[in-house]
Amino acid sequence: FERMTFMINPDEEKSSLESRDMIR
């Protein structure tokens, strides 16, 4: 594989307001 990333989000239940930019 070239790259494999696992992102564990701390605020999904609050609409990912602080993490959505990183997800995108």
PDB file of all heavy atoms in Angstrom:
ATOM      1  N   PHE A   1       0.864  -1.185   0.000  1.00  0.00           N
ATOM      2  CA  PHE A   1       0.000   0.000   0.000  1.00  0.00           C
ATOM      3  C   PHE A   1       0.895   1.229   0.000  1.00  0.00           C
ATOM      4  O   PHE A   1       2.054   1.188   0.431  1.00  0.00           O
ATOM      5  CB  PHE A   1      -0.924   0.016   1.219  1.00  0.00           C
ATOM      6  CG  PHE A   1      -0.215   0.036   2.549  1.00  0.00           C
ATOM      7  CD1 PHE A   1       0.049   1.250   3.183  1.00  0.00           C
ATOM      8  CD2 PHE A   1       0.183  -1.145   3.170  1.00  0.00           C
ATOM      9  CE1 PHE A   1       0.703   1.276   4.400  1.00  0.00           C
ATOM     10  CE2 PHE A   1       0.840  -1.119   4.388  1.00  0.00           C
ATOM     11  CZ  PHE A   1       1.099   0.094   5.013  1.00  0.00           C
ATOM     12  N   GLU A   2       0.338   2.324  -0.498  1.00  0.00           N
ATOM     13  CA  GLU A   2       1.082   3.580  -0.512  1.00  0.00           C
ATOM     14  C   GLU A   2       0.961   4.302   0.821  1.00  0.00           C
ATOM     15  O   GLU A   2       1.935   4.753   1.396  1.00  0.00           O
ATOM     16  CB  GLU A   2       0.576   4.473  -1.644  1.00  0.00           C
ATOM     17  CG  GLU A   2       1.336   5.796  -1.755  1.00  0.00           C
ATOM     18  CD  GLU A   2       0.852   6.644  -2.913  1.00  0.00           C
ATOM     19  OE1 GLU A   2       0.171   6.099  -3.801  1.00  0.00           O
ATOM     20  OE2 GLU A   2       1.150   7.852  -2.935  1.00  0.00           O
ATOM     21  N   ARG A   3      -0.285   4.423   1.295  1.00  0.00           N
ATOM     22  CA  ARG A   3      -0.518   5.075   2.585  1.00  0.00           C
ATOM     23  C   ARG A   3      -1.815   4.570   3.179  1.00  0.00           C
ATOM     24  O   ARG A   3      -2.812   4.392   2.477  1.00  0.00           O
ATOM     25  CB  ARG A   3      -0.585   6.590   2.417  1.00  0.00           C
ATOM     26  CG  ARG A   3      -0.868   7.304   3.733  1.00  0.00           C
ATOM     27  CD  ARG A   3      -0.691   8.795   3.611  1.00  0.00           C
ATOM     28  NE  ARG A   3      -1.373   9.334   2.454  1.00  0.00           N
ATOM     29  CZ  ARG A   3      -1.367  10.622   2.123  1.00  0.00           C
ATOM     30  NH1 ARG A   3      -0.672  11.471   2.854  1.00  0.00           N
ATOM     31  NH2 ARG A   3      -2.023  11.055   1.082  1.00  0.00           N
ATOM     32  N   MET A   4      -1.810   4.336   4.491  1.00  0.00           N
ATOM     33  CA  MET A   4      -3.003   3.885   5.195  1.00  0.00           C
ATOM     34  C   MET A   4      -3.115   4.720   6.474  1.00  0.00           C
ATOM     35  O   MET A   4      -2.168   4.773   7.261  1.00  0.00           O
ATOM     36  CB  MET A   4      -2.891   2.394   5.524  1.00  0.00           C
ATOM     37  CG  MET A   4      -4.197   1.707   5.845  1.00  0.00           C
ATOM     38  SD  MET A   4      -3.968  -0.082   6.036  1.00  0.00           S
ATOM     39  CE  MET A   4      -3.598  -0.561   4.346  1.00  0.00           C
ATOM     40  N   THR A   5      -4.267   5.369   6.667  1.00  0.00           N
ATOM     41  CA  THR A   5      -4.446   6.278   7.794  1.00  0.00           C
ATOM     42  C   THR A   5      -5.694   5.892   8.574  1.00  0.00           C
ATOM     43  O   THR A   5      -6.725   5.578   7.983  1.00  0.00           O
ATOM     44  CB  THR A   5      -4.592   7.733   7.299  1.00  0.00           C
ATOM     45  OG1 THR A   5      -3.471   8.070   6.486  1.00  0.00           O
ATOM     46  CG2 THR A   5      -4.700   8.700   8.457  1.00  0.00           C
ATOM     47  N   PHE A   6      -5.594   5.922   9.893  1.00  0.00           N
ATOM     48  CA  PHE A   6      -6.742   5.668  10.753  1.00  0.00           C
ATOM     49  C   PHE A   6      -6.950   6.906  11.608  1.00  0.00           C
ATOM     50  O   PHE A   6      -6.141   7.229  12.475  1.00  0.00           O
ATOM     51  CB  PHE A   6      -6.498   4.441  11.628  1.00  0.00           C
ATOM     52  CG  PHE A   6      -7.695   4.010  12.455  1.00  0.00           C
ATOM     53  CD1 PHE A   6      -8.979   4.440  12.163  1.00  0.00           C
ATOM     54  CD2 PHE A   6      -7.535   3.145  13.530  1.00  0.00           C
ATOM     55  CE1 PHE A   6     -10.074   4.038  12.911  1.00  0.00           C
ATOM     56  CE2 PHE A   6      -8.620   2.724  14.285  1.00  0.00           C
ATOM     57  CZ  PHE A   6      -9.891   3.190  13.971  1.00  0.00           C
ATOM     58  N   MET A   7      -8.040   7.637  11.356  1.00  0.00           N
ATOM     59  CA  MET A   7      -8.366   8.819  12.145  1.00  0.00           C
ATOM     60  C   MET A   7      -9.472   8.492  13.145  1.00  0.00           C
ATOM     61  O   MET A   7     -10.548   8.047  12.749  1.00  0.00           O
ATOM     62  CB  MET A   7      -8.824   9.977  11.252  1.00  0.00           C
ATOM     63  CG  MET A   7      -9.205  11.205  12.071  1.00  0.00           C
ATOM     64  SD  MET A   7      -9.727  12.613  11.096  1.00  0.00           S
ATOM     65  CE  MET A   7     -10.257  13.721  12.417  1.00  0.00           C
ATOM     66  N   ILE A   8      -9.197   8.712  14.416  1.00  0.00           N
ATOM     67  CA  ILE A   8     -10.187   8.508  15.474  1.00  0.00           C
ATOM     68  C   ILE A   8     -10.632   9.888  15.949  1.00  0.00           C
ATOM     69  O   ILE A   8      -9.843  10.651  16.504  1.00  0.00           O
ATOM     70  CB  ILE A   8      -9.598   7.684  16.638  1.00  0.00           C
ATOM     71  CG1 ILE A   8      -9.102   6.329  16.119  1.00  0.00           C
ATOM     72  CG2 ILE A   8     -10.644   7.482  17.724  1.00  0.00           C
ATOM     73  CD1 ILE A   8      -8.377   5.500  17.164  1.00  0.00           C
ATOM     74  N   ASN A   9     -11.887  10.182  15.721  1.00  0.00           N
ATOM     75  CA  ASN A   9     -12.451  11.507  15.909  1.00  0.00           C
ATOM     76  C   ASN A   9     -12.994  11.665  17.338  1.00  0.00           C
ATOM     77  O   ASN A   9     -13.724  10.804  17.808  1.00  0.00           O
ATOM     78  CB  ASN A   9     -13.572  11.679  14.870  1.00  0.00           C
ATOM     79  CG  ASN A   9     -14.304  12.987  14.986  1.00  0.00           C
ATOM     80  OD1 ASN A   9     -13.995  13.818  15.813  1.00  0.00           O
ATOM     81  ND2 ASN A   9     -15.304  13.158  14.137  1.00  0.00           N
ATOM     82  N   PRO A  10     -12.699  12.783  18.026  1.00  0.00           N
ATOM     83  CA  PRO A  10     -13.190  12.973  19.389  1.00  0.00           C
ATOM     84  C   PRO A  10     -14.521  13.718  19.514  1.00  0.00           C
ATOM     85  O   PRO A  10     -15.007  13.885  20.628  1.00  0.00           O
ATOM     86  CB  PRO A  10     -12.077  13.794  20.029  1.00  0.00           C
ATOM     87  CG  PRO A  10     -11.611  14.674  18.911  1.00  0.00           C
ATOM     88  CD  PRO A  10     -11.710  13.831  17.662  1.00  0.00           C
ATOM     89  N   ASP A  11     -15.111  14.183  18.386  1.00  0.00           N
ATOM     90  CA  ASP A  11     -16.318  15.006  18.527  1.00  0.00           C
ATOM     91  C   ASP A  11     -17.361  14.723  17.449  1.00  0.00           C
ATOM     92  O   ASP A  11     -18.120  15.612  17.075  1.00  0.00           O
ATOM     93  CB  ASP A  11     -15.955  16.492  18.536  1.00  0.00           C
ATOM     94  CG  ASP A  11     -15.403  16.991  17.203  1.00  0.00           C
ATOM     95  OD1 ASP A  11     -14.953  16.161  16.393  1.00  0.00           O
ATOM     96  OD2 ASP A  11     -15.424  18.213  16.975  1.00  0.00           O
ATOM     97  N   GLU A  12     -17.464  13.482  17.001  1.00  0.00           N
ATOM     98  CA  GLU A  12     -18.425  13.140  15.951  1.00  0.00           C
ATOM     99  C   GLU A  12     -19.861  13.373  16.401  1.00  0.00           C
ATOM    100  O   GLU A  12     -20.691  13.846  15.623  1.00  0.00           O
ATOM    101  CB  GLU A  12     -18.237  11.677  15.529  1.00  0.00           C
ATOM    102  CG  GLU A  12     -18.989  11.294  14.258  1.00  0.00           C
ATOM    103  CD  GLU A  12     -20.420  10.817  14.506  1.00  0.00           C
ATOM    104  OE1 GLU A  12     -20.755  10.557  15.692  1.00  0.00           O
ATOM    105  OE2 GLU A  12     -21.189  10.706  13.531  1.00  0.00           O
ATOM    106  N   GLU A  13     -20.156  13.059  17.655  1.00  0.00           N
ATOM    107  CA  GLU A  13     -21.525  13.211  18.142  1.00  0.00           C
ATOM    108  C   GLU A  13     -21.931  14.678  18.261  1.00  0.00           C
ATOM    109  O   GLU A  13     -23.110  14.987  18.436  1.00  0.00           O
ATOM    110  CB  GLU A  13     -21.694  12.502  19.491  1.00  0.00           C
ATOM    111  CG  GLU A  13     -21.456  10.993  19.458  1.00  0.00           C
ATOM    112  CD  GLU A  13     -22.504  10.226  18.669  1.00  0.00           C
ATOM    113  OE1 GLU A  13     -23.438  10.858  18.137  1.00  0.00           O
ATOM    114  OE2 GLU A  13     -22.384   8.999  18.575  1.00  0.00           O
ATOM    115  N   LYS A  14     -20.972  15.591  18.167  1.00  0.00           N
ATOM    116  CA  LYS A  14     -21.250  17.028  18.183  1.00  0.00           C
ATOM    117  C   LYS A  14     -21.067  17.629  16.791  1.00  0.00           C
ATOM    118  O   LYS A  14     -20.696  18.792  16.649  1.00  0.00           O
ATOM    119  CB  LYS A  14     -20.350  17.727  19.207  1.00  0.00           C
ATOM    120  CG  LYS A  14     -20.601  17.282  20.633  1.00  0.00           C
ATOM    121  CD  LYS A  14     -19.700  18.017  21.609  1.00  0.00           C
ATOM    122  CE  LYS A  14     -19.974  17.582  23.054  1.00  0.00           C
ATOM    123  NZ  LYS A  14     -19.086  18.279  24.026  1.00  0.00           N
ATOM    124  N   SER A  15     -21.298  16.798  15.767  1.00  0.00           N
ATOM    125  CA  SER A  15     -21.222  17.217  14.358  1.00  0.00           C
ATOM    126  C   SER A  15     -19.799  17.425  13.864  1.00  0.00           C
ATOM    127  O   SER A  15     -19.593  18.053  12.818  1.00  0.00           O
ATOM    128  CB  SER A  15     -22.044  18.488  14.114  1.00  0.00           C
ATOM    129  OG  SER A  15     -23.409  18.249  14.351  1.00  0.00           O
ATOM    130  N   SER A  16     -18.802  16.918  14.596  1.00  0.00           N
ATOM    131  CA  SER A  16     -17.399  16.998  14.156  1.00  0.00           C
ATOM    132  C   SER A  16     -16.987  18.442  13.857  1.00  0.00           C
ATOM    133  O   SER A  16     -16.225  18.702  12.912  1.00  0.00           O
ATOM    134  CB  SER A  16     -17.166  16.123  12.919  1.00  0.00           C
ATOM    135  OG  SER A  16     -17.570  14.795  13.149  1.00  0.00           O
ATOM    136  N   LEU A  17     -17.468  19.382  14.657  1.00  0.00           N
ATOM    137  CA  LEU A  17     -17.213  20.794  14.379  1.00  0.00           C
ATOM    138  C   LEU A  17     -15.727  21.129  14.432  1.00  0.00           C
ATOM    139  O   LEU A  17     -15.249  21.971  13.664  1.00  0.00           O
ATOM    140  CB  LEU A  17     -17.991  21.674  15.366  1.00  0.00           C
ATOM    141  CG  LEU A  17     -19.519  21.576  15.272  1.00  0.00           C
ATOM    142  CD1 LEU A  17     -20.170  22.469  16.324  1.00  0.00           C
ATOM    143  CD2 LEU A  17     -19.997  21.973  13.879  1.00  0.00           C
ATOM    144  N   GLU A  18     -14.986  20.496  15.336  1.00  0.00           N
ATOM    145  CA  GLU A  18     -13.557  20.787  15.459  1.00  0.00           C
ATOM    146  C   GLU A  18     -12.688  19.892  14.583  1.00  0.00           C
ATOM    147  O   GLU A  18     -11.520  20.217  14.346  1.00  0.00           O
ATOM    148  CB  GLU A  18     -13.118  20.648  16.929  1.00  0.00           C
ATOM    149  CG  GLU A  18     -13.866  21.550  17.895  1.00  0.00           C
ATOM    150  CD  GLU A  18     -13.628  23.023  17.606  1.00  0.00           C
ATOM    151  OE1 GLU A  18     -12.537  23.366  17.110  1.00  0.00           O
ATOM    152  OE2 GLU A  18     -14.535  23.834  17.865  1.00  0.00           O
ATOM    153  N   SER A  19     -13.223  18.778  14.118  1.00  0.00           N
ATOM    154  CA  SER A  19     -12.395  17.816  13.386  1.00  0.00           C
ATOM    155  C   SER A  19     -12.749  17.703  11.906  1.00  0.00           C
ATOM    156  O   SER A  19     -12.034  17.046  11.153  1.00  0.00           O
ATOM    157  CB  SER A  19     -12.514  16.431  14.031  1.00  0.00           C
ATOM    158  OG  SER A  19     -13.869  16.012  14.059  1.00  0.00           O
ATOM    159  N   ARG A  20     -13.836  18.341  11.467  1.00  0.00           N
ATOM    160  CA  ARG A  20     -14.284  18.149  10.086  1.00  0.00           C
ATOM    161  C   ARG A  20     -13.250  18.615   9.068  1.00  0.00           C
ATOM    162  O   ARG A  20     -13.101  17.985   8.011  1.00  0.00           O
ATOM    163  CB  ARG A  20     -15.612  18.856   9.855  1.00  0.00           C
ATOM    164  CG  ARG A  20     -15.580  20.362  10.013  1.00  0.00           C
ATOM    165  CD  ARG A  20     -16.933  20.977   9.682  1.00  0.00           C
ATOM    166  NE  ARG A  20     -17.986  20.450  10.529  1.00  0.00           N
ATOM    167  CZ  ARG A  20     -19.274  20.670  10.333  1.00  0.00           C
ATOM    168  NH1 ARG A  20     -19.661  21.427   9.328  1.00  0.00           N
ATOM    169  NH2 ARG A  20     -20.170  20.164  11.141  1.00  0.00           N
ATOM    170  N   ASP A  21     -12.534  19.685   9.363  1.00  0.00           N
ATOM    171  CA  ASP A  21     -11.525  20.156   8.401  1.00  0.00           C
ATOM    172  C   ASP A  21     -10.421  19.125   8.212  1.00  0.00           C
ATOM    173  O   ASP A  21      -9.923  18.919   7.100  1.00  0.00           O
ATOM    174  CB  ASP A  21     -10.932  21.489   8.867  1.00  0.00           C
ATOM    175  CG  ASP A  21     -11.927  22.643   8.758  1.00  0.00           C
ATOM    176  OD1 ASP A  21     -12.951  22.481   8.060  1.00  0.00           O
ATOM    177  OD2 ASP A  21     -11.684  23.698   9.378  1.00  0.00           O
ATOM    178  N   MET A  22     -10.025  18.473   9.302  1.00  0.00           N
ATOM    179  CA  MET A  22      -9.004  17.437   9.200  1.00  0.00           C
ATOM    180  C   MET A  22      -9.527  16.226   8.430  1.00  0.00           C
ATOM    181  O   MET A  22      -8.809  15.646   7.594  1.00  0.00           O
ATOM    182  CB  MET A  22      -8.524  17.003  10.590  1.00  0.00           C
ATOM    183  CG  MET A  22      -7.454  15.920  10.553  1.00  0.00           C
ATOM    184  SD  MET A  22      -6.883  15.428  12.195  1.00  0.00           S
ATOM    185  CE  MET A  22      -5.956  16.906  12.647  1.00  0.00           C
ATOM    186  N   ILE A  23     -10.771  15.842   8.695  1.00  0.00           N
ATOM    187  CA  ILE A  23     -11.374  14.721   7.963  1.00  0.00           C
ATOM    188  C   ILE A  23     -11.383  15.008   6.474  1.00  0.00           C
ATOM    189  O   ILE A  23     -10.986  14.168   5.647  1.00  0.00           O
ATOM    190  CB  ILE A  23     -12.803  14.455   8.457  1.00  0.00           C
ATOM    191  CG1 ILE A  23     -12.791  13.969   9.903  1.00  0.00           C
ATOM    192  CG2 ILE A  23     -13.503  13.423   7.566  1.00  0.00           C
ATOM    193  CD1 ILE A  23     -14.159  13.944  10.553  1.00  0.00           C
ATOM    194  N   ARG A  24     -11.811  16.203   6.103  1.00  0.00           N
ATOM    195  CA  ARG A  24     -11.913  16.563   4.695  1.00  0.00           C
ATOM    196  C   ARG A  24     -10.527  16.636   4.045  1.00  0.00           C
ATOM    197  O   ARG A  24     -10.336  16.189   2.912  1.00  0.00           O
ATOM    198  CB  ARG A  24     -12.660  17.885   4.548  1.00  0.00           C
ATOM    199  CG  ARG A  24     -14.114  17.795   5.006  1.00  0.00           C
ATOM    200  CD  ARG A  24     -14.809  19.140   4.997  1.00  0.00           C
ATOM    201  NE  ARG A  24     -15.066  19.611   3.640  1.00  0.00           N
ATOM    202  CZ  ARG A  24     -16.139  19.300   2.939  1.00  0.00           C
ATOM    203  NH1 ARG A  24     -17.074  18.507   3.450  1.00  0.00           N
ATOM    204  NH2 ARG A  24     -16.297  19.786   1.723  1.00  0.00           N
TER     205      ARG A  24
END
